Amino acid sequence: MQIFRKKLTPVDIERGLVLPPDSNLQLLPPFQGTMELPTIVESASGTPLAEPVTIHCSTRSGRPAFTTGWYEIARYVGLTGGDIVSFYQEFSEGAQYRMRVRSAG
């Protein structure tokens, strides 16, 4: 089930990905402060990274944001403003969450 889909801005890539207000946060475990989400990252073609990435989620200005782990994904995949990220829950080996990235270009 999809938790959110977002068209990225340069701020999302440089300062952390603030989850959109319409995110389906009920699919995330309840947390106070921070939590870690083991995530399989895949390209638009469906090719996953070799290992799951642990994304650190914390509250920023009252809204959840991805920080540690997110920066590594953004660099590795080469994300830029305008790219689209989908984050969803899917129970599979090694991780409970998946992130699919699609280039704007």
PDB file of N, CA and C in Angstrom:
ATOM      1  N   MET A   1       0.840  -1.180   0.000  1.00  0.00           N
ATOM      2  CA  MET A   1       0.000   0.000   0.000  1.00  0.00           C
ATOM      3  C   MET A   1       0.884   1.241   0.000  1.00  0.00           C
ATOM      4  N   GLN A   2       0.489   2.211  -0.802  1.00  0.00           N
ATOM      5  CA  GLN A   2       1.293   3.429  -0.925  1.00  0.00           C
ATOM      6  C   GLN A   2       1.158   4.319   0.309  1.00  0.00           C
ATOM      7  N   ILE A   3       2.290   4.784   0.807  1.00  0.00           N
ATOM      8  CA  ILE A   3       2.321   5.713   1.935  1.00  0.00           C
ATOM      9  C   ILE A   3       2.341   7.142   1.407  1.00  0.00           C
ATOM     10  N   PHE A   4       3.179   7.403   0.381  1.00  0.00           N
ATOM     11  CA  PHE A   4       3.142   8.712  -0.272  1.00  0.00           C
ATOM     12  C   PHE A   4       3.794   8.644  -1.637  1.00  0.00           C
ATOM     13  N   ARG A   5       3.512   9.649  -2.428  1.00  0.00           N
ATOM     14  CA  ARG A   5       4.159   9.882  -3.720  1.00  0.00           C
ATOM     15  C   ARG A   5       4.448  11.370  -3.765  1.00  0.00           C
ATOM     16  N   LYS A   6       5.668  11.720  -4.159  1.00  0.00           N
ATOM     17  CA  LYS A   6       6.043  13.129  -4.120  1.00  0.00           C
ATOM     18  C   LYS A   6       6.970  13.481  -5.270  1.00  0.00           C
ATOM     19  N   LYS A   7       6.697  14.629  -5.872  1.00  0.00           N
ATOM     20  CA  LYS A   7       7.609  15.214  -6.851  1.00  0.00           C
ATOM     21  C   LYS A   7       8.628  16.017  -6.053  1.00  0.00           C
ATOM     22  N   LEU A   8       9.899  15.692  -6.218  1.00  0.00           N
ATOM     23  CA  LEU A   8      10.948  16.265  -5.386  1.00  0.00           C
ATOM     24  C   LEU A   8      11.292  17.700  -5.774  1.00  0.00           C
ATOM     25  N   THR A   9      11.658  18.458  -4.758  1.00  0.00           N
ATOM     26  CA  THR A   9      12.209  19.802  -4.953  1.00  0.00           C
ATOM     27  C   THR A   9      13.692  19.734  -4.574  1.00  0.00           C
ATOM     28  N   PRO A  10      14.483  20.719  -4.962  1.00  0.00           N
ATOM     29  CA  PRO A  10      15.889  20.728  -4.532  1.00  0.00           C
ATOM     30  C   PRO A  10      16.023  20.711  -3.007  1.00  0.00           C
ATOM     31  N   VAL A  11      15.104  21.323  -2.287  1.00  0.00           N
ATOM     32  CA  VAL A  11      15.152  21.332  -0.818  1.00  0.00           C
ATOM     33  C   VAL A  11      14.989  19.914  -0.267  1.00  0.00           C
ATOM     34  N   ASP A  12      14.118  19.099  -0.884  1.00  0.00           N
ATOM     35  CA  ASP A  12      13.944  17.710  -0.447  1.00  0.00           C
ATOM     36  C   ASP A  12      15.255  16.946  -0.525  1.00  0.00           C
ATOM     37  N   ILE A  13      16.049  17.224  -1.520  1.00  0.00           N
ATOM     38  CA  ILE A  13      17.292  16.493  -1.725  1.00  0.00           C
ATOM     39  C   ILE A  13      18.393  17.009  -0.805  1.00  0.00           C
ATOM     40  N   GLU A  14      18.441  18.321  -0.589  1.00  0.00           N
ATOM     41  CA  GLU A  14      19.513  18.923   0.205  1.00  0.00           C
ATOM     42  C   GLU A  14      19.267  18.884   1.708  1.00  0.00           C
ATOM     43  N   ARG A  15      18.023  19.026   2.135  1.00  0.00           N
ATOM     44  CA  ARG A  15      17.743  19.166   3.572  1.00  0.00           C
ATOM     45  C   ARG A  15      16.960  18.015   4.177  1.00  0.00           C
ATOM     46  N   GLY A  16      16.553  17.068   3.379  1.00  0.00           N
ATOM     47  CA  GLY A  16      15.766  15.949   3.877  1.00  0.00           C
ATOM     48  C   GLY A  16      14.385  15.975   3.251  1.00  0.00           C
ATOM     49  N   LEU A  17      13.800  14.817   3.105  1.00  0.00           N
ATOM     50  CA  LEU A  17      12.510  14.672   2.448  1.00  0.00           C
ATOM     51  C   LEU A  17      11.385  14.765   3.470  1.00  0.00           C
ATOM     52  N   VAL A  18      10.693  15.900   3.495  1.00  0.00           N
ATOM     53  CA  VAL A  18       9.536  16.067   4.372  1.00  0.00           C
ATOM     54  C   VAL A  18       8.371  15.349   3.708  1.00  0.00           C
ATOM     55  N   LEU A  19       7.726  14.441   4.454  1.00  0.00           N
ATOM     56  CA  LEU A  19       6.623  13.686   3.888  1.00  0.00           C
ATOM     57  C   LEU A  19       5.447  14.610   3.604  1.00  0.00           C
ATOM     58  N   PRO A  20       4.764  14.401   2.479  1.00  0.00           N
ATOM     59  CA  PRO A  20       3.633  15.266   2.128  1.00  0.00           C
ATOM     60  C   PRO A  20       2.502  15.154   3.148  1.00  0.00           C
ATOM     61  N   PRO A  21       1.673  16.215   3.263  1.00  0.00           N
ATOM     62  CA  PRO A  21       0.581  16.199   4.242  1.00  0.00           C
ATOM     63  C   PRO A  21      -0.433  15.085   4.011  1.00  0.00           C
ATOM     64  N   ASP A  22      -0.579  14.625   2.780  1.00  0.00           N
ATOM     65  CA  ASP A  22      -1.563  13.575   2.495  1.00  0.00           C
ATOM     66  C   ASP A  22      -0.977  12.160   2.621  1.00  0.00           C
ATOM     67  N   SER A  23       0.190  12.018   3.267  1.00  0.00           N
ATOM     68  CA  SER A  23       0.814  10.702   3.451  1.00  0.00           C
ATOM     69  C   SER A  23      -0.069   9.808   4.307  1.00  0.00           C
ATOM     70  N   ASN A  24      -0.056   8.529   3.993  1.00  0.00           N
ATOM     71  CA  ASN A  24      -0.822   7.533   4.744  1.00  0.00           C
ATOM     72  C   ASN A  24       0.041   7.031   5.904  1.00  0.00           C
ATOM     73  N   LEU A  25       0.163   7.863   6.945  1.00  0.00           N
ATOM     74  CA  LEU A  25       1.077   7.576   8.057  1.00  0.00           C
ATOM     75  C   LEU A  25       0.624   6.403   8.913  1.00  0.00           C
ATOM     76  N   GLN A  26      -0.625   5.963   8.767  1.00  0.00           N
ATOM     77  CA  GLN A  26      -1.094   4.810   9.526  1.00  0.00           C
ATOM     78  C   GLN A  26      -0.317   3.546   9.161  1.00  0.00           C
ATOM     79  N   LEU A  27       0.327   3.541   7.996  1.00  0.00           N
ATOM     80  CA  LEU A  27       1.104   2.375   7.576  1.00  0.00           C
ATOM     81  C   LEU A  27       2.507   2.351   8.179  1.00  0.00           C
ATOM     82  N   LEU A  28       2.894   3.438   8.859  1.00  0.00           N
ATOM     83  CA  LEU A  28       4.179   3.470   9.561  1.00  0.00           C
ATOM     84  C   LEU A  28       3.953   3.090  11.014  1.00  0.00           C
ATOM     85  N   PRO A  29       4.956   2.490  11.662  1.00  0.00           N
ATOM     86  CA  PRO A  29       4.791   2.178  13.085  1.00  0.00           C
ATOM     87  C   PRO A  29       4.694   3.469  13.892  1.00  0.00           C
ATOM     88  N   PRO A  30       3.915   3.452  14.997  1.00  0.00           N
ATOM     89  CA  PRO A  30       3.858   4.654  15.834  1.00  0.00           C
ATOM     90  C   PRO A  30       5.247   4.962  16.384  1.00  0.00           C
ATOM     91  N   PHE A  31       5.581   6.247  16.459  1.00  0.00           N
ATOM     92  CA  PHE A  31       6.910   6.590  16.971  1.00  0.00           C
ATOM     93  C   PHE A  31       6.887   7.943  17.655  1.00  0.00           C
ATOM     94  N   GLN A  32       7.841   8.098  18.567  1.00  0.00           N
ATOM     95  CA  GLN A  32       8.086   9.355  19.264  1.00  0.00           C
ATOM     96  C   GLN A  32       9.511   9.759  18.917  1.00  0.00           C
ATOM     97  N   GLY A  33       9.687  10.866  18.273  1.00  0.00           N
ATOM     98  CA  GLY A  33      11.033  11.333  17.959  1.00  0.00           C
ATOM     99  C   GLY A  33      11.567  10.798  16.657  1.00  0.00           C
ATOM    100  N   THR A  34      12.119   9.553  16.676  1.00  0.00           N
ATOM    101  CA  THR A  34      12.710   8.991  15.463  1.00  0.00           C
ATOM    102  C   THR A  34      12.361   7.514  15.326  1.00  0.00           C
ATOM    103  N   MET A  35      12.513   6.996  14.114  1.00  0.00           N
ATOM    104  CA  MET A  35      12.388   5.557  13.848  1.00  0.00           C
ATOM    105  C   MET A  35      13.237   5.225  12.638  1.00  0.00           C
ATOM    106  N   GLU A  36      13.568   3.954  12.502  1.00  0.00           N
ATOM    107  CA  GLU A  36      14.341   3.488  11.365  1.00  0.00           C
ATOM    108  C   GLU A  36      13.477   2.584  10.511  1.00  0.00           C
ATOM    109  N   LEU A  37      13.541   2.791   9.186  1.00  0.00           N
ATOM    110  CA  LEU A  37      12.726   2.036   8.243  1.00  0.00           C
ATOM    111  C   LEU A  37      13.629   1.330   7.238  1.00  0.00           C
ATOM    112  N   PRO A  38      13.856   0.001   7.386  1.00  0.00           N
ATOM    113  CA  PRO A  38      14.623  -0.720   6.370  1.00  0.00           C
ATOM    114  C   PRO A  38      13.836  -0.681   5.057  1.00  0.00           C
ATOM    115  N   THR A  39      14.481  -0.213   3.998  1.00  0.00           N
ATOM    116  CA  THR A  39      13.782   0.052   2.743  1.00  0.00           C
ATOM    117  C   THR A  39      14.551  -0.501   1.554  1.00  0.00           C
ATOM    118  N   ILE A  40      13.844  -1.141   0.651  1.00  0.00           N
ATOM    119  CA  ILE A  40      14.419  -1.566  -0.620  1.00  0.00           C
ATOM    120  C   ILE A  40      14.141  -0.458  -1.620  1.00  0.00           C
ATOM    121  N   VAL A  41      15.188   0.018  -2.261  1.00  0.00           N
ATOM    122  CA  VAL A  41      15.065   1.113  -3.220  1.00  0.00           C
ATOM    123  C   VAL A  41      15.197   0.541  -4.621  1.00  0.00           C
ATOM    124  N   GLU A  42      14.269   0.912  -5.502  1.00  0.00           N
ATOM    125  CA  GLU A  42      14.338   0.425  -6.872  1.00  0.00           C
ATOM    126  C   GLU A  42      14.114   1.554  -7.868  1.00  0.00           C
ATOM    127  N   SER A  43      14.718   1.392  -9.013  1.00  0.00           N
ATOM    128  CA  SER A  43      14.565   2.380 -10.084  1.00  0.00           C
ATOM    129  C   SER A  43      13.198   2.194 -10.737  1.00  0.00           C
ATOM    130  N   ALA A  44      12.849   3.098 -11.625  1.00  0.00           N
ATOM    131  CA  ALA A  44      11.574   3.016 -12.327  1.00  0.00           C
ATOM    132  C   ALA A  44      11.473   1.721 -13.131  1.00  0.00           C
ATOM    133  N   SER A  45      12.617   1.173 -13.549  1.00  0.00           N
ATOM    134  CA  SER A  45      12.608  -0.082 -14.303  1.00  0.00           C
ATOM    135  C   SER A  45      12.412  -1.289 -13.395  1.00  0.00           C
ATOM    136  N   GLY A  46      12.408  -1.055 -12.070  1.00  0.00           N
ATOM    137  CA  GLY A  46      12.208  -2.144 -11.118  1.00  0.00           C
ATOM    138  C   GLY A  46      13.484  -2.784 -10.628  1.00  0.00           C
ATOM    139  N   THR A  47      14.641  -2.231 -10.997  1.00  0.00           N
ATOM    140  CA  THR A  47      15.922  -2.774 -10.553  1.00  0.00           C
ATOM    141  C   THR A  47      16.232  -2.276  -9.145  1.00  0.00           C
ATOM    142  N   PRO A  48      16.312  -3.170  -8.147  1.00  0.00           N
ATOM    143  CA  PRO A  48      16.593  -2.728  -6.783  1.00  0.00           C
ATOM    144  C   PRO A  48      18.083  -2.551  -6.526  1.00  0.00           C
ATOM    145  N   LEU A  49      18.398  -1.707  -5.529  1.00  0.00           N
ATOM    146  CA  LEU A  49      19.772  -1.631  -5.037  1.00  0.00           C
ATOM    147  C   LEU A  49      20.101  -2.981  -4.420  1.00  0.00           C
ATOM    148  N   ALA A  50      21.373  -3.301  -4.336  1.00  0.00           N
ATOM    149  CA  ALA A  50      21.791  -4.621  -3.860  1.00  0.00           C
ATOM    150  C   ALA A  50      21.344  -4.908  -2.424  1.00  0.00           C
ATOM    151  N   GLU A  51      21.366  -3.910  -1.570  1.00  0.00           N
ATOM    152  CA  GLU A  51      21.035  -4.093  -0.153  1.00  0.00           C
ATOM    153  C   GLU A  51      19.955  -3.099   0.262  1.00  0.00           C
ATOM    154  N   PRO A  52      19.107  -3.480   1.222  1.00  0.00           N
ATOM    155  CA  PRO A  52      18.152  -2.505   1.762  1.00  0.00           C
ATOM    156  C   PRO A  52      18.897  -1.337   2.415  1.00  0.00           C
ATOM    157  N   VAL A  53      18.297  -0.172   2.376  1.00  0.00           N
ATOM    158  CA  VAL A  53      18.833   1.034   2.993  1.00  0.00           C
ATOM    159  C   VAL A  53      17.973   1.358   4.205  1.00  0.00           C
ATOM    160  N   THR A  54      18.592   1.677   5.334  1.00  0.00           N
ATOM    161  CA  THR A  54      17.832   2.080   6.508  1.00  0.00           C
ATOM    162  C   THR A  54      17.650   3.586   6.469  1.00  0.00           C
ATOM    163  N   ILE A  55      16.384   4.005   6.378  1.00  0.00           N
ATOM    164  CA  ILE A  55      16.055   5.422   6.357  1.00  0.00           C
ATOM    165  C   ILE A  55      15.659   5.838   7.756  1.00  0.00           C
ATOM    166  N   HIS A  56      16.239   6.916   8.222  1.00  0.00           N
ATOM    167  CA  HIS A  56      15.920   7.484   9.528  1.00  0.00           C
ATOM    168  C   HIS A  56      14.775   8.476   9.332  1.00  0.00           C
ATOM    169  N   CYS A  57      13.708   8.303  10.066  1.00  0.00           N
ATOM    170  CA  CYS A  57      12.566   9.209   9.979  1.00  0.00           C
ATOM    171  C   CYS A  57      12.432   9.929  11.306  1.00  0.00           C
ATOM    172  N   SER A  58      12.364  11.250  11.256  1.00  0.00           N
ATOM    173  CA  SER A  58      12.198  12.036  12.470  1.00  0.00           C
ATOM    174  C   SER A  58      11.179  13.132  12.209  1.00  0.00           C
ATOM    175  N   THR A  59      10.775  13.803  13.254  1.00  0.00           N
ATOM    176  CA  THR A  59       9.790  14.865  13.110  1.00  0.00           C
ATOM    177  C   THR A  59      10.503  16.195  12.968  1.00  0.00           C
ATOM    178  N   ARG A  60      10.155  16.916  11.911  1.00  0.00           N
ATOM    179  CA  ARG A  60      10.729  18.235  11.664  1.00  0.00           C
ATOM    180  C   ARG A  60       9.571  19.210  11.498  1.00  0.00           C
ATOM    181  N   SER A  61       9.534  20.236  12.338  1.00  0.00           N
ATOM    182  CA  SER A  61       8.450  21.232  12.303  1.00  0.00           C
ATOM    183  C   SER A  61       7.083  20.559  12.365  1.00  0.00           C
ATOM    184  N   GLY A  62       6.992  19.505  13.171  1.00  0.00           N
ATOM    185  CA  GLY A  62       5.721  18.822  13.355  1.00  0.00           C
ATOM    186  C   GLY A  62       5.363  17.825  12.267  1.00  0.00           C
ATOM    187  N   ARG A  63       6.224  17.673  11.251  1.00  0.00           N
ATOM    188  CA  ARG A  63       5.949  16.735  10.169  1.00  0.00           C
ATOM    189  C   ARG A  63       7.090  15.733  10.037  1.00  0.00           C
ATOM    190  N   PRO A  64       6.773  14.462   9.765  1.00  0.00           N
ATOM    191  CA  PRO A  64       7.833  13.468   9.586  1.00  0.00           C
ATOM    192  C   PRO A  64       8.700  13.792   8.371  1.00  0.00           C
ATOM    193  N   ALA A  65      10.000  13.526   8.507  1.00  0.00           N
ATOM    194  CA  ALA A  65      10.944  13.769   7.424  1.00  0.00           C
ATOM    195  C   ALA A  65      11.969  12.641   7.382  1.00  0.00           C
ATOM    196  N   PHE A  66      12.412  12.279   6.174  1.00  0.00           N
ATOM    197  CA  PHE A  66      13.488  11.315   5.993  1.00  0.00           C
ATOM    198  C   PHE A  66      14.803  12.072   5.987  1.00  0.00           C
ATOM    199  N   THR A  67      15.766  11.580   6.785  1.00  0.00           N
ATOM    200  CA  THR A  67      17.067  12.237   6.858  1.00  0.00           C
ATOM    201  C   THR A  67      18.161  11.211   6.546  1.00  0.00           C
ATOM    202  N   THR A  68      18.840  10.688   7.565  1.00  0.00           N
ATOM    203  CA  THR A  68      19.911   9.715   7.355  1.00  0.00           C
ATOM    204  C   THR A  68      19.383   8.559   6.514  1.00  0.00           C
ATOM    205  N   GLY A  69      20.147   8.123   5.576  1.00  0.00           N
ATOM    206  CA  GLY A  69      19.697   7.075   4.661  1.00  0.00           C
ATOM    207  C   GLY A  69      19.092   7.699   3.406  1.00  0.00           C
ATOM    208  N   TRP A  70      18.251   8.699   3.589  1.00  0.00           N
ATOM    209  CA  TRP A  70      17.658   9.401   2.453  1.00  0.00           C
ATOM    210  C   TRP A  70      18.743  10.085   1.625  1.00  0.00           C
ATOM    211  N   TYR A  71      19.695  10.722   2.297  1.00  0.00           N
ATOM    212  CA  TYR A  71      20.765  11.423   1.592  1.00  0.00           C
ATOM    213  C   TYR A  71      21.584  10.445   0.740  1.00  0.00           C
ATOM    214  N   GLU A  72      21.852   9.267   1.280  1.00  0.00           N
ATOM    215  CA  GLU A  72      22.607   8.253   0.549  1.00  0.00           C
ATOM    216  C   GLU A  72      21.833   7.798  -0.688  1.00  0.00           C
ATOM    217  N   ILE A  73      20.526   7.612  -0.539  1.00  0.00           N
ATOM    218  CA  ILE A  73      19.691   7.220  -1.677  1.00  0.00           C
ATOM    219  C   ILE A  73      19.731   8.313  -2.743  1.00  0.00           C
ATOM    220  N   ALA A  74      19.547   9.553  -2.335  1.00  0.00           N
ATOM    221  CA  ALA A  74      19.515  10.666  -3.286  1.00  0.00           C
ATOM    222  C   ALA A  74      20.825  10.751  -4.069  1.00  0.00           C
ATOM    223  N   ARG A  75      21.952  10.581  -3.376  1.00  0.00           N
ATOM    224  CA  ARG A  75      23.245  10.639  -4.048  1.00  0.00           C
ATOM    225  C   ARG A  75      23.447   9.434  -4.971  1.00  0.00           C
ATOM    226  N   TYR A  76      23.164   8.238  -4.456  1.00  0.00           N
ATOM    227  CA  TYR A  76      23.403   7.018  -5.212  1.00  0.00           C
ATOM    228  C   TYR A  76      22.559   6.976  -6.488  1.00  0.00           C
ATOM    229  N   VAL A  77      21.303   7.333  -6.354  1.00  0.00           N
ATOM    230  CA  VAL A  77      20.393   7.275  -7.492  1.00  0.00           C
ATOM    231  C   VAL A  77      20.550   8.505  -8.383  1.00  0.00           C
ATOM    232  N   GLY A  78      21.134   9.589  -7.846  1.00  0.00           N
ATOM    233  CA  GLY A  78      21.317  10.813  -8.614  1.00  0.00           C
ATOM    234  C   GLY A  78      20.023  11.605  -8.757  1.00  0.00           C
ATOM    235  N   LEU A  79      19.249  11.677  -7.668  1.00  0.00           N
ATOM    236  CA  LEU A  79      17.974  12.382  -7.719  1.00  0.00           C
ATOM    237  C   LEU A  79      18.163  13.878  -7.907  1.00  0.00           C
ATOM    238  N   THR A  80      17.233  14.487  -8.616  1.00  0.00           N
ATOM    239  CA  THR A  80      17.226  15.929  -8.818  1.00  0.00           C
ATOM    240  C   THR A  80      15.798  16.431  -8.660  1.00  0.00           C
ATOM    241  N   GLY A  81      15.658  17.751  -8.578  1.00  0.00           N
ATOM    242  CA  GLY A  81      14.334  18.341  -8.486  1.00  0.00           C
ATOM    243  C   GLY A  81      13.481  17.911  -9.674  1.00  0.00           C
ATOM    244  N   GLY A  82      12.226  17.584  -9.417  1.00  0.00           N
ATOM    245  CA  GLY A  82      11.322  17.124 -10.461  1.00  0.00           C
ATOM    246  C   GLY A  82      11.182  15.617 -10.527  1.00  0.00           C
ATOM    247  N   ASP A  83      12.166  14.869  -9.979  1.00  0.00           N
ATOM    248  CA  ASP A  83      12.044  13.410  -9.934  1.00  0.00           C
ATOM    249  C   ASP A  83      10.890  13.041  -9.014  1.00  0.00           C
ATOM    250  N   ILE A  84      10.348  11.845  -9.220  1.00  0.00           N
ATOM    251  CA  ILE A  84       9.195  11.407  -8.431  1.00  0.00           C
ATOM    252  C   ILE A  84       9.592  10.202  -7.592  1.00  0.00           C
ATOM    253  N   VAL A  85       9.229  10.241  -6.315  1.00  0.00           N
ATOM    254  CA  VAL A  85       9.497   9.159  -5.376  1.00  0.00           C
ATOM    255  C   VAL A  85       8.165   8.611  -4.878  1.00  0.00           C
ATOM    256  N   SER A  86       8.038   7.293  -4.922  1.00  0.00           N
ATOM    257  CA  SER A  86       6.874   6.616  -4.327  1.00  0.00           C
ATOM    258  C   SER A  86       7.392   5.751  -3.188  1.00  0.00           C
ATOM    259  N   PHE A  87       6.770   5.852  -2.042  1.00  0.00           N
ATOM    260  CA  PHE A  87       7.175   5.078  -0.870  1.00  0.00           C
ATOM    261  C   PHE A  87       5.966   4.265  -0.433  1.00  0.00           C
ATOM    262  N   TYR A  88       6.147   2.965  -0.311  1.00  0.00           N
ATOM    263  CA  TYR A  88       5.008   2.123   0.029  1.00  0.00           C
ATOM    264  C   TYR A  88       5.416   0.959   0.906  1.00  0.00           C
ATOM    265  N   GLN A  89       4.409   0.372   1.530  1.00  0.00           N
ATOM    266  CA  GLN A  89       4.615  -0.764   2.421  1.00  0.00           C
ATOM    267  C   GLN A  89       4.407  -2.039   1.620  1.00  0.00           C
ATOM    268  N   GLU A  90       5.382  -2.917   1.719  1.00  0.00           N
ATOM    269  CA  GLU A  90       5.296  -4.221   1.062  1.00  0.00           C
ATOM    270  C   GLU A  90       6.177  -5.177   1.838  1.00  0.00           C
ATOM    271  N   PHE A  91       5.596  -6.203   2.365  1.00  0.00           N
ATOM    272  CA  PHE A  91       6.369  -7.161   3.146  1.00  0.00           C
ATOM    273  C   PHE A  91       7.147  -8.063   2.201  1.00  0.00           C
ATOM    274  N   SER A  92       8.479  -7.990   2.276  1.00  0.00           N
ATOM    275  CA  SER A  92       9.339  -8.833   1.460  1.00  0.00           C
ATOM    276  C   SER A  92      10.605  -9.131   2.250  1.00  0.00           C
ATOM    277  N   GLU A  93      11.422  -9.988   1.706  1.00  0.00           N
ATOM    278  CA  GLU A  93      12.640 -10.391   2.408  1.00  0.00           C
ATOM    279  C   GLU A  93      13.581  -9.208   2.604  1.00  0.00           C
ATOM    280  N   GLY A  94      13.982  -8.964   3.845  1.00  0.00           N
ATOM    281  CA  GLY A  94      14.967  -7.943   4.146  1.00  0.00           C
ATOM    282  C   GLY A  94      14.416  -6.578   4.480  1.00  0.00           C
ATOM    283  N   ALA A  95      13.178  -6.286   4.114  1.00  0.00           N
ATOM    284  CA  ALA A  95      12.621  -4.966   4.391  1.00  0.00           C
ATOM    285  C   ALA A  95      11.099  -5.010   4.306  1.00  0.00           C
ATOM    286  N   GLN A  96      10.484  -4.077   4.988  1.00  0.00           N
ATOM    287  CA  GLN A  96       9.031  -3.968   4.991  1.00  0.00           C
ATOM    288  C   GLN A  96       8.561  -2.843   4.069  1.00  0.00           C
ATOM    289  N   TYR A  97       9.480  -1.984   3.655  1.00  0.00           N
ATOM    290  CA  TYR A  97       9.123  -0.826   2.837  1.00  0.00           C
ATOM    291  C   TYR A  97       9.904  -0.815   1.541  1.00  0.00           C
ATOM    292  N   ARG A  98       9.312  -0.200   0.530  1.00  0.00           N
ATOM    293  CA  ARG A  98       9.961  -0.043  -0.765  1.00  0.00           C
ATOM    294  C   ARG A  98       9.836   1.398  -1.219  1.00  0.00           C
ATOM    295  N   MET A  99      10.865   1.849  -1.922  1.00  0.00           N
ATOM    296  CA  MET A  99      10.853   3.183  -2.504  1.00  0.00           C
ATOM    297  C   MET A  99      11.172   3.025  -3.979  1.00  0.00           C
ATOM    298  N   ARG A 100      10.320   3.563  -4.825  1.00  0.00           N
ATOM    299  CA  ARG A 100      10.559   3.544  -6.267  1.00  0.00           C
ATOM    300  C   ARG A 100      10.821   4.973  -6.713  1.00  0.00           C
ATOM    301  N   VAL A 101      11.871   5.149  -7.492  1.00  0.00           N
ATOM    302  CA  VAL A 101      12.227   6.490  -7.975  1.00  0.00           C
ATOM    303  C   VAL A 101      12.057   6.542  -9.488  1.00  0.00           C
ATOM    304  N   ARG A 102      11.580   7.667  -9.964  1.00  0.00           N
ATOM    305  CA  ARG A 102      11.377   7.860 -11.398  1.00  0.00           C
ATOM    306  C   ARG A 102      11.951   9.205 -11.793  1.00  0.00           C
ATOM    307  N   SER A 103      12.802   9.203 -12.782  1.00  0.00           N
ATOM    308  CA  SER A 103      13.447  10.433 -13.244  1.00  0.00           C
ATOM    309  C   SER A 103      12.453  11.311 -13.973  1.00  0.00           C
ATOM    310  N   ALA A 104      12.580  12.611 -13.762  1.00  0.00           N
ATOM    311  CA  ALA A 104      11.699  13.568 -14.425  1.00  0.00           C
ATOM    312  C   ALA A 104      12.053  13.704 -15.904  1.00  0.00           C
ATOM    313  N   GLY A 105      13.297  13.417 -16.244  1.00  0.00           N
ATOM    314  CA  GLY A 105      13.784  13.634 -17.595  1.00  0.00           C
ATOM    315  C   GLY A 105      13.537  12.569 -18.562  1.00  0.00           C
TER     316      GLY A 105
END
